[in-house]
Amino acid sequence: MAYDMTKCLGGDCPWREKCYRFTSETVGRQDFFAAIPYDEGKHRCTEFWDNTEQIKAKAYEIWLREGRPKGLDVVHWELAKIEILEALKK
């Protein structure tokens, strides 16, 4: 599923790997923030879009699909990130 949103280039933002605005794939024409919205002085970003819940839900779906095996949580988490990125390409 693709969203019409403004993306972020990340820069030195410490949260960029957890932010959907940075981690989502750029498809076709894409708008980006003119300046990175992270405020270093306040240690916050006004445009942060947490992608953890989306990954968590997909990892749970994979765990169920694979028969609820034990000890594969990290594998399922990484597979979830891959599946989400692949879905964005379609």
Foldseek 3Di string as FASTA:
>chain_A
DDDQDAAECCPVQPCQVQACSNPADDDDDHHYDPDGQQDPVVSDGPPGHGCVVQLVVQLVVVCVVVPNDPDCSVVSSVVSSVVVNVVSVD
